[in-house]
Amino acid sequence: MSALTWDTLYSDHAEAYETLVSHEDYQGNLLRAIQSIQPLDGRQVAVEFGCGTGRVSGLLAGCVGKLYGFDLARSMLRVAYRKRVRLGWRHVFQAQADSRRMPVRSGLADFAIEGWAFLQIAVWHPADWQDQLGRALAEMRRLVRPGGRLILIETLGTGESSPKVIPFYRQVYDFLEGSAGFRPLAIRTDYRFETLQQILQVVLPLFGPGMLERLVKSELGWVLPECTGLWWRTNLG
């Protein structure tokens, strides 16, 4: 088996990814932040870009009428599919697709959302990241009805108590807040691990030994701070 790294995480280690994200946001801040941007009434149709193993899908499944989730990695979708079957999400539909070419008709969705996926487009295409990211954003605008919301979720710093990002990430976020017209919102989505085995399984190989110094021991386990950003805008059609 290949080593657990960020380069292989999505393609070869979907189960490890699911272990990691299942411990994030034990405070429940993310759903509250989404609802502050996009009230959820149970009748809405949502499209999720880069749904991965179903991290954000799990938050929305009980709140919307239909949810269409797409991801490029088959390994991630296999985990998401098993979760959908196990939890009985009959109104959630999942399929493989590139965020820059979505198999969804125009105007289908009341809102669209992505979690920790669009930044990867920029990372994977450093030479023309604005063009590649712009294609994904254009797809969001195309499939959301006029007046609907576009919502992006990305990291603002693992192990950080206040937002702190590397220069390239900041460049991407400045693009979103500038010409792309998105408004930012910063929240905390801290990880909580119950056992040291969980930390050794995913935190150490992915974030390095230095991240162990950021862990805070509590009666509930070990907490690793995480800052998360949401960017949103209204689709003007």
C-alpha atoms as a PDB file:
ATOM      1  CA  MET A   1       0.000   0.000   0.000  1.00  0.00           C
ATOM      2  CA  SER A   2       1.294   3.436  -0.864  1.00  0.00           C
ATOM      3  CA  ALA A   3       2.223   5.867   1.912  1.00  0.00           C
ATOM      4  CA  LEU A   4      -0.504   8.069   3.345  1.00  0.00           C
ATOM      5  CA  THR A   5       0.196  11.520   1.900  1.00  0.00           C
ATOM      6  CA  TRP A   6      -1.912  14.405   0.641  1.00  0.00           C
ATOM      7  CA  ASP A   7      -0.976  13.423  -2.934  1.00  0.00           C
ATOM      8  CA  THR A   8      -2.462   9.938  -2.538  1.00  0.00           C
ATOM      9  CA  LEU A   9      -5.173  10.630   0.023  1.00  0.00           C
ATOM     10  CA  TYR A  10      -8.106  11.113  -2.348  1.00  0.00           C
ATOM     11  CA  SER A  11      -7.204   8.349  -4.804  1.00  0.00           C
ATOM     12  CA  ASP A  12      -5.781   5.632  -2.539  1.00  0.00           C
ATOM     13  CA  HIS A  13      -6.843   6.319   1.049  1.00  0.00           C
ATOM     14  CA  ALA A  14     -10.500   7.302   1.054  1.00  0.00           C
ATOM     15  CA  GLU A  15     -11.116   5.420   4.292  1.00  0.00           C
ATOM     16  CA  ALA A  16      -8.327   7.352   6.022  1.00  0.00           C
ATOM     17  CA  TYR A  17      -9.812  10.591   4.697  1.00  0.00           C
ATOM     18  CA  GLU A  18     -13.196   9.609   6.108  1.00  0.00           C
ATOM     19  CA  THR A  19     -11.555   8.858   9.470  1.00  0.00           C
ATOM     20  CA  LEU A  20     -10.010  12.326   9.458  1.00  0.00           C
ATOM     21  CA  VAL A  21     -13.075  14.344   8.483  1.00  0.00           C
ATOM     22  CA  SER A  22     -15.442  12.363  10.706  1.00  0.00           C
ATOM     23  CA  HIS A  23     -13.612  13.879  13.688  1.00  0.00           C
ATOM     24  CA  GLU A  24     -13.856  17.478  12.471  1.00  0.00           C
ATOM     25  CA  ASP A  25     -16.248  20.134  13.767  1.00  0.00           C
ATOM     26  CA  TYR A  26     -17.349  18.392  16.928  1.00  0.00           C
ATOM     27  CA  GLN A  27     -18.891  21.737  17.975  1.00  0.00           C
ATOM     28  CA  GLY A  28     -21.338  21.653  15.038  1.00  0.00           C
ATOM     29  CA  ASN A  29     -20.389  25.097  13.746  1.00  0.00           C
ATOM     30  CA  LEU A  30     -20.360  24.291  10.046  1.00  0.00           C
ATOM     31  CA  LEU A  31     -24.048  23.503   9.582  1.00  0.00           C
ATOM     32  CA  ARG A  32     -25.008  26.604  11.565  1.00  0.00           C
ATOM     33  CA  ALA A  33     -22.768  28.698   9.307  1.00  0.00           C
ATOM     34  CA  ILE A  34     -24.301  27.186   6.157  1.00  0.00           C
ATOM     35  CA  GLN A  35     -27.790  27.877   7.485  1.00  0.00           C
ATOM     36  CA  SER A  36     -26.862  31.491   8.200  1.00  0.00           C
ATOM     37  CA  ILE A  37     -25.980  31.863   4.510  1.00  0.00           C
ATOM     38  CA  GLN A  38     -28.637  29.602   3.007  1.00  0.00           C
ATOM     39  CA  PRO A  39     -31.722  28.819   5.106  1.00  0.00           C
ATOM     40  CA  LEU A  40     -32.628  25.155   4.631  1.00  0.00           C
ATOM     41  CA  ASP A  41     -36.321  24.347   4.442  1.00  0.00           C
ATOM     42  CA  GLY A  42     -36.488  20.723   3.295  1.00  0.00           C
ATOM     43  CA  ARG A  43     -37.865  21.519  -0.147  1.00  0.00           C
ATOM     44  CA  GLN A  44     -34.717  22.731  -1.802  1.00  0.00           C
ATOM     45  CA  VAL A  45     -32.576  21.064  -4.440  1.00  0.00           C
ATOM     46  CA  ALA A  46     -28.831  21.284  -3.799  1.00  0.00           C
ATOM     47  CA  VAL A  47     -25.814  20.272  -5.846  1.00  0.00           C
ATOM     48  CA  GLU A  48     -22.542  19.429  -4.116  1.00  0.00           C
ATOM     49  CA  PHE A  49     -19.259  19.774  -5.999  1.00  0.00           C
ATOM     50  CA  GLY A  50     -16.471  17.452  -4.825  1.00  0.00           C
ATOM     51  CA  CYS A  51     -18.645  15.566  -2.353  1.00  0.00           C
ATOM     52  CA  GLY A  52     -15.807  13.218  -1.371  1.00  0.00           C
ATOM     53  CA  THR A  53     -16.857  10.648   1.212  1.00  0.00           C
ATOM     54  CA  GLY A  54     -20.019  12.565   2.089  1.00  0.00           C
ATOM     55  CA  ARG A  55     -18.693  14.960   4.713  1.00  0.00           C
ATOM     56  CA  VAL A  56     -20.956  17.886   3.759  1.00  0.00           C
ATOM     57  CA  SER A  57     -23.626  15.578   2.340  1.00  0.00           C
ATOM     58  CA  GLY A  58     -24.214  14.293   5.848  1.00  0.00           C
ATOM     59  CA  LEU A  59     -24.960  17.804   7.080  1.00  0.00           C
ATOM     60  CA  LEU A  60     -27.402  18.554   4.280  1.00  0.00           C
ATOM     61  CA  ALA A  61     -29.127  15.181   3.881  1.00  0.00           C
ATOM     62  CA  GLY A  62     -31.672  15.860   6.590  1.00  0.00           C
ATOM     63  CA  CYS A  63     -32.311  19.446   5.500  1.00  0.00           C
ATOM     64  CA  VAL A  64     -33.022  19.444   1.752  1.00  0.00           C
ATOM     65  CA  GLY A  65     -35.482  17.751  -0.574  1.00  0.00           C
ATOM     66  CA  LYS A  66     -32.880  16.475  -3.055  1.00  0.00           C
ATOM     67  CA  LEU A  67     -29.098  16.482  -2.994  1.00  0.00           C
ATOM     68  CA  TYR A  68     -26.923  15.686  -6.000  1.00  0.00           C
ATOM     69  CA  GLY A  69     -23.290  15.002  -5.079  1.00  0.00           C
ATOM     70  CA  PHE A  70     -20.404  14.624  -7.522  1.00  0.00           C
ATOM     71  CA  ASP A  71     -16.742  13.778  -7.126  1.00  0.00           C
ATOM     72  CA  LEU A  72     -13.885  12.933  -9.473  1.00  0.00           C
ATOM     73  CA  ALA A  73     -12.388  10.147  -7.318  1.00  0.00           C
ATOM     74  CA  ARG A  74     -14.138   6.779  -7.505  1.00  0.00           C
ATOM     75  CA  SER A  75     -12.549   5.668  -4.234  1.00  0.00           C
ATOM     76  CA  MET A  76     -14.142   8.584  -2.387  1.00  0.00           C
ATOM     77  CA  LEU A  77     -17.519   7.901  -3.983  1.00  0.00           C
ATOM     78  CA  ARG A  78     -17.419   4.252  -2.902  1.00  0.00           C
ATOM     79  CA  VAL A  79     -17.185   5.379   0.723  1.00  0.00           C
ATOM     80  CA  ALA A  80     -19.915   7.971   0.166  1.00  0.00           C
ATOM     81  CA  TYR A  81     -22.180   5.369  -1.444  1.00  0.00           C
ATOM     82  CA  ARG A  82     -21.810   2.962   1.489  1.00  0.00           C
ATOM     83  CA  LYS A  83     -22.626   5.803   3.868  1.00  0.00           C
ATOM     84  CA  ARG A  84     -25.701   6.737   1.831  1.00  0.00           C
ATOM     85  CA  VAL A  85     -27.001   3.161   1.903  1.00  0.00           C
ATOM     86  CA  ARG A  86     -26.234   2.676   5.594  1.00  0.00           C
ATOM     87  CA  LEU A  87     -27.991   5.886   6.613  1.00  0.00           C
ATOM     88  CA  GLY A  88     -30.918   5.550   4.216  1.00  0.00           C
ATOM     89  CA  TRP A  89     -30.459   8.767   2.258  1.00  0.00           C
ATOM     90  CA  ARG A  90     -33.031   7.992  -0.443  1.00  0.00           C
ATOM     91  CA  HIS A  91     -33.088  11.568  -1.715  1.00  0.00           C
ATOM     92  CA  VAL A  92     -29.293  11.793  -2.150  1.00  0.00           C
ATOM     93  CA  PHE A  93     -27.818  10.954  -5.557  1.00  0.00           C
ATOM     94  CA  GLN A  94     -24.081  10.511  -6.171  1.00  0.00           C
ATOM     95  CA  ALA A  95     -22.035  10.152  -9.353  1.00  0.00           C
ATOM     96  CA  GLN A  96     -18.562  10.732 -10.770  1.00  0.00           C
ATOM     97  CA  ALA A  97     -17.971  14.075 -12.449  1.00  0.00           C
ATOM     98  CA  ASP A  98     -15.404  16.817 -12.907  1.00  0.00           C
ATOM     99  CA  SER A  99     -16.389  20.057 -11.149  1.00  0.00           C
ATOM    100  CA  ARG A 100     -15.511  21.928 -14.334  1.00  0.00           C
ATOM    101  CA  ARG A 101     -17.973  19.858 -16.434  1.00  0.00           C
ATOM    102  CA  MET A 102     -21.010  18.958 -14.367  1.00  0.00           C
ATOM    103  CA  PRO A 103     -23.767  16.655 -15.751  1.00  0.00           C
ATOM    104  CA  VAL A 104     -26.533  18.867 -14.359  1.00  0.00           C
ATOM    105  CA  ARG A 105     -29.044  20.933 -16.294  1.00  0.00           C
ATOM    106  CA  SER A 106     -28.915  24.691 -15.960  1.00  0.00           C
ATOM    107  CA  GLY A 107     -30.988  26.207 -13.176  1.00  0.00           C
ATOM    108  CA  LEU A 108     -31.694  22.887 -11.456  1.00  0.00           C
ATOM    109  CA  ALA A 109     -30.443  23.841  -7.993  1.00  0.00           C
ATOM    110  CA  ASP A 110     -31.619  26.261  -5.352  1.00  0.00           C
ATOM    111  CA  PHE A 111     -28.021  26.395  -4.155  1.00  0.00           C
ATOM    112  CA  ALA A 112     -24.656  24.768  -4.804  1.00  0.00           C
ATOM    113  CA  ILE A 113     -21.909  23.989  -2.336  1.00  0.00           C
ATOM    114  CA  GLU A 114     -18.384  22.608  -2.295  1.00  0.00           C
ATOM    115  CA  GLY A 115     -16.210  21.536   0.619  1.00  0.00           C
ATOM    116  CA  TRP A 116     -12.408  21.454   0.458  1.00  0.00           C
ATOM    117  CA  ALA A 117     -12.462  20.768  -3.283  1.00  0.00           C
ATOM    118  CA  PHE A 118     -12.043  23.992  -5.264  1.00  0.00           C
ATOM    119  CA  LEU A 119      -8.779  24.942  -3.584  1.00  0.00           C
ATOM    120  CA  GLN A 120      -7.430  21.602  -4.820  1.00  0.00           C
ATOM    121  CA  ILE A 121      -8.238  22.636  -8.381  1.00  0.00           C
ATOM    122  CA  ALA A 122      -5.931  25.625  -7.923  1.00  0.00           C
ATOM    123  CA  VAL A 123      -3.245  23.488  -6.253  1.00  0.00           C
ATOM    124  CA  TRP A 124      -3.327  20.931  -9.065  1.00  0.00           C
ATOM    125  CA  HIS A 125      -3.137  23.619 -11.793  1.00  0.00           C
ATOM    126  CA  PRO A 126      -0.657  26.233 -10.539  1.00  0.00           C
ATOM    127  CA  ALA A 127       0.146  27.558 -14.020  1.00  0.00           C
ATOM    128  CA  ASP A 128      -3.453  28.514 -14.898  1.00  0.00           C
ATOM    129  CA  TRP A 129      -5.332  28.126 -11.625  1.00  0.00           C
ATOM    130  CA  GLN A 130      -7.547  31.182 -12.150  1.00  0.00           C
ATOM    131  CA  ASP A 131      -8.822  29.785 -15.442  1.00  0.00           C
ATOM    132  CA  GLN A 132      -9.371  26.275 -14.052  1.00  0.00           C
ATOM    133  CA  LEU A 133     -11.043  27.523 -10.865  1.00  0.00           C
ATOM    134  CA  GLY A 134     -13.076  29.964 -12.926  1.00  0.00           C
ATOM    135  CA  ARG A 135     -14.499  27.073 -14.948  1.00  0.00           C
ATOM    136  CA  ALA A 136     -15.757  25.391 -11.769  1.00  0.00           C
ATOM    137  CA  LEU A 137     -17.270  28.648 -10.527  1.00  0.00           C
ATOM    138  CA  ALA A 138     -18.955  29.140 -13.893  1.00  0.00           C
ATOM    139  CA  GLU A 139     -20.514  25.692 -13.554  1.00  0.00           C
ATOM    140  CA  MET A 140     -21.862  26.670 -10.155  1.00  0.00           C
ATOM    141  CA  ARG A 141     -23.436  29.792 -11.623  1.00  0.00           C
ATOM    142  CA  ARG A 142     -24.901  27.822 -14.530  1.00  0.00           C
ATOM    143  CA  LEU A 143     -26.710  25.194 -12.519  1.00  0.00           C
ATOM    144  CA  VAL A 144     -28.025  27.464  -9.711  1.00  0.00           C
ATOM    145  CA  ARG A 145     -31.223  29.382 -10.343  1.00  0.00           C
ATOM    146  CA  PRO A 146     -31.067  33.205 -10.251  1.00  0.00           C
ATOM    147  CA  GLY A 147     -31.168  34.355  -6.651  1.00  0.00           C
ATOM    148  CA  GLY A 148     -29.711  31.079  -5.350  1.00  0.00           C
ATOM    149  CA  ARG A 149     -26.522  30.834  -3.329  1.00  0.00           C
ATOM    150  CA  LEU A 150     -23.048  29.615  -4.248  1.00  0.00           C
ATOM    151  CA  ILE A 151     -21.162  28.398  -1.156  1.00  0.00           C
ATOM    152  CA  LEU A 152     -17.493  27.447  -0.896  1.00  0.00           C
ATOM    153  CA  ILE A 153     -15.832  25.842   2.136  1.00  0.00           C
ATOM    154  CA  GLU A 154     -12.028  25.752   2.485  1.00  0.00           C
ATOM    155  CA  THR A 155      -9.351  25.629   5.162  1.00  0.00           C
ATOM    156  CA  LEU A 156      -8.024  28.659   6.988  1.00  0.00           C
ATOM    157  CA  GLY A 157      -5.430  26.743   8.969  1.00  0.00           C
ATOM    158  CA  THR A 158      -5.063  23.387  10.702  1.00  0.00           C
ATOM    159  CA  GLY A 159      -3.693  23.640  14.214  1.00  0.00           C
ATOM    160  CA  GLU A 160      -4.515  27.355  14.236  1.00  0.00           C
ATOM    161  CA  SER A 161      -6.800  29.168  16.685  1.00  0.00           C
ATOM    162  CA  SER A 162      -7.218  32.094  14.287  1.00  0.00           C
ATOM    163  CA  PRO A 163      -7.042  32.143  10.469  1.00  0.00           C
ATOM    164  CA  LYS A 164      -3.546  31.619   9.074  1.00  0.00           C
ATOM    165  CA  VAL A 165      -2.908  30.408   5.526  1.00  0.00           C
ATOM    166  CA  ILE A 166       0.076  30.034   3.247  1.00  0.00           C
ATOM    167  CA  PRO A 167       0.609  32.766   0.596  1.00  0.00           C
ATOM    168  CA  PHE A 168      -0.756  30.734  -2.338  1.00  0.00           C
ATOM    169  CA  TYR A 169      -3.980  29.927  -0.504  1.00  0.00           C
ATOM    170  CA  ARG A 170      -4.302  33.604   0.397  1.00  0.00           C
ATOM    171  CA  GLN A 171      -3.884  34.470  -3.281  1.00  0.00           C
ATOM    172  CA  VAL A 172      -6.743  32.138  -4.176  1.00  0.00           C
ATOM    173  CA  TYR A 173      -8.976  33.541  -1.438  1.00  0.00           C
ATOM    174  CA  ASP A 174      -8.180  37.106  -2.509  1.00  0.00           C
ATOM    175  CA  PHE A 175      -9.323  36.145  -6.004  1.00  0.00           C
ATOM    176  CA  LEU A 176     -12.596  34.794  -4.609  1.00  0.00           C
ATOM    177  CA  GLU A 177     -13.187  37.904  -2.501  1.00  0.00           C
ATOM    178  CA  GLY A 178     -12.164  40.226  -5.326  1.00  0.00           C
ATOM    179  CA  SER A 179     -13.158  39.668  -8.938  1.00  0.00           C
ATOM    180  CA  ALA A 180     -15.212  36.536  -8.186  1.00  0.00           C
ATOM    181  CA  GLY A 181     -17.454  38.516  -5.811  1.00  0.00           C
ATOM    182  CA  PHE A 182     -17.632  36.165  -2.821  1.00  0.00           C
ATOM    183  CA  ARG A 183     -18.139  37.277   0.781  1.00  0.00           C
ATOM    184  CA  PRO A 184     -16.032  35.541   3.464  1.00  0.00           C
ATOM    185  CA  LEU A 185     -17.024  34.052   6.799  1.00  0.00           C
ATOM    186  CA  ALA A 186     -14.514  32.487   9.224  1.00  0.00           C
ATOM    187  CA  ILE A 187     -15.456  29.828  11.785  1.00  0.00           C
ATOM    188  CA  ARG A 188     -13.796  27.145  13.935  1.00  0.00           C
ATOM    189  CA  THR A 189     -14.258  23.474  13.024  1.00  0.00           C
ATOM    190  CA  ASP A 190     -11.914  21.824  15.527  1.00  0.00           C
ATOM    191  CA  TYR A 191     -11.109  18.123  15.388  1.00  0.00           C
ATOM    192  CA  ARG A 192     -11.703  15.903  18.387  1.00  0.00           C
ATOM    193  CA  PHE A 193     -10.024  12.517  18.646  1.00  0.00           C
ATOM    194  CA  GLU A 194     -10.988  10.002  21.306  1.00  0.00           C
ATOM    195  CA  THR A 195      -7.857   7.827  21.101  1.00  0.00           C
ATOM    196  CA  LEU A 196      -4.175   8.192  20.370  1.00  0.00           C
ATOM    197  CA  GLN A 197      -4.539   5.512  17.689  1.00  0.00           C
ATOM    198  CA  GLN A 198      -6.741   7.851  15.647  1.00  0.00           C
ATOM    199  CA  ILE A 199      -4.117  10.576  15.913  1.00  0.00           C
ATOM    200  CA  LEU A 200      -1.320   8.241  14.856  1.00  0.00           C
ATOM    201  CA  GLN A 201      -3.428   6.942  11.976  1.00  0.00           C
ATOM    202  CA  VAL A 202      -4.144  10.244  10.231  1.00  0.00           C
ATOM    203  CA  VAL A 203      -2.859  13.338  12.037  1.00  0.00           C
ATOM    204  CA  LEU A 204       0.786  12.320  12.233  1.00  0.00           C
ATOM    205  CA  PRO A 205       1.264  11.150   8.611  1.00  0.00           C
ATOM    206  CA  LEU A 206      -0.737  13.983   7.049  1.00  0.00           C
ATOM    207  CA  PHE A 207       0.172  16.978   9.196  1.00  0.00           C
ATOM    208  CA  GLY A 208       3.581  15.944  10.559  1.00  0.00           C
ATOM    209  CA  PRO A 209       4.937  15.597  14.104  1.00  0.00           C
ATOM    210  CA  GLY A 210       4.860  19.351  14.684  1.00  0.00           C
ATOM    211  CA  MET A 211       1.060  19.222  14.688  1.00  0.00           C
ATOM    212  CA  LEU A 212       1.158  17.010  17.782  1.00  0.00           C
ATOM    213  CA  GLU A 213       2.261  20.070  19.749  1.00  0.00           C
ATOM    214  CA  ARG A 214      -0.983  21.814  18.752  1.00  0.00           C
ATOM    215  CA  LEU A 215      -3.186  19.112  20.297  1.00  0.00           C
ATOM    216  CA  VAL A 216      -5.047  20.105  23.445  1.00  0.00           C
ATOM    217  CA  LYS A 217      -5.903  17.342  25.936  1.00  0.00           C
ATOM    218  CA  SER A 218      -9.352  17.540  27.473  1.00  0.00           C
ATOM    219  CA  GLU A 219     -11.709  15.232  29.301  1.00  0.00           C
ATOM    220  CA  LEU A 220     -13.352  14.553  25.927  1.00  0.00           C
ATOM    221  CA  GLY A 221     -10.105  13.471  24.247  1.00  0.00           C
ATOM    222  CA  TRP A 222      -7.597  15.388  22.157  1.00  0.00           C
ATOM    223  CA  VAL A 223      -8.648  18.546  20.317  1.00  0.00           C
ATOM    224  CA  LEU A 224      -6.811  19.907  17.278  1.00  0.00           C
ATOM    225  CA  PRO A 225      -7.809  23.491  16.385  1.00  0.00           C
ATOM    226  CA  GLU A 226      -9.015  24.106  12.852  1.00  0.00           C
ATOM    227  CA  CYS A 227     -10.041  27.364  11.199  1.00  0.00           C
ATOM    228  CA  THR A 228     -12.412  27.104   8.258  1.00  0.00           C
ATOM    229  CA  GLY A 229     -13.640  29.690   5.793  1.00  0.00           C
ATOM    230  CA  LEU A 230     -16.922  29.913   3.958  1.00  0.00           C
ATOM    231  CA  TRP A 231     -17.230  32.102   0.875  1.00  0.00           C
ATOM    232  CA  TRP A 232     -20.620  32.829  -0.607  1.00  0.00           C
ATOM    233  CA  ARG A 233     -22.432  34.940  -3.118  1.00  0.00           C
ATOM    234  CA  THR A 234     -25.875  35.205  -4.660  1.00  0.00           C
ATOM    235  CA  ASN A 235     -26.221  33.995  -8.229  1.00  0.00           C
ATOM    236  CA  LEU A 236     -27.369  36.972 -10.270  1.00  0.00           C
ATOM    237  CA  GLY A 237     -28.210  34.848 -13.298  1.00  0.00           C
END
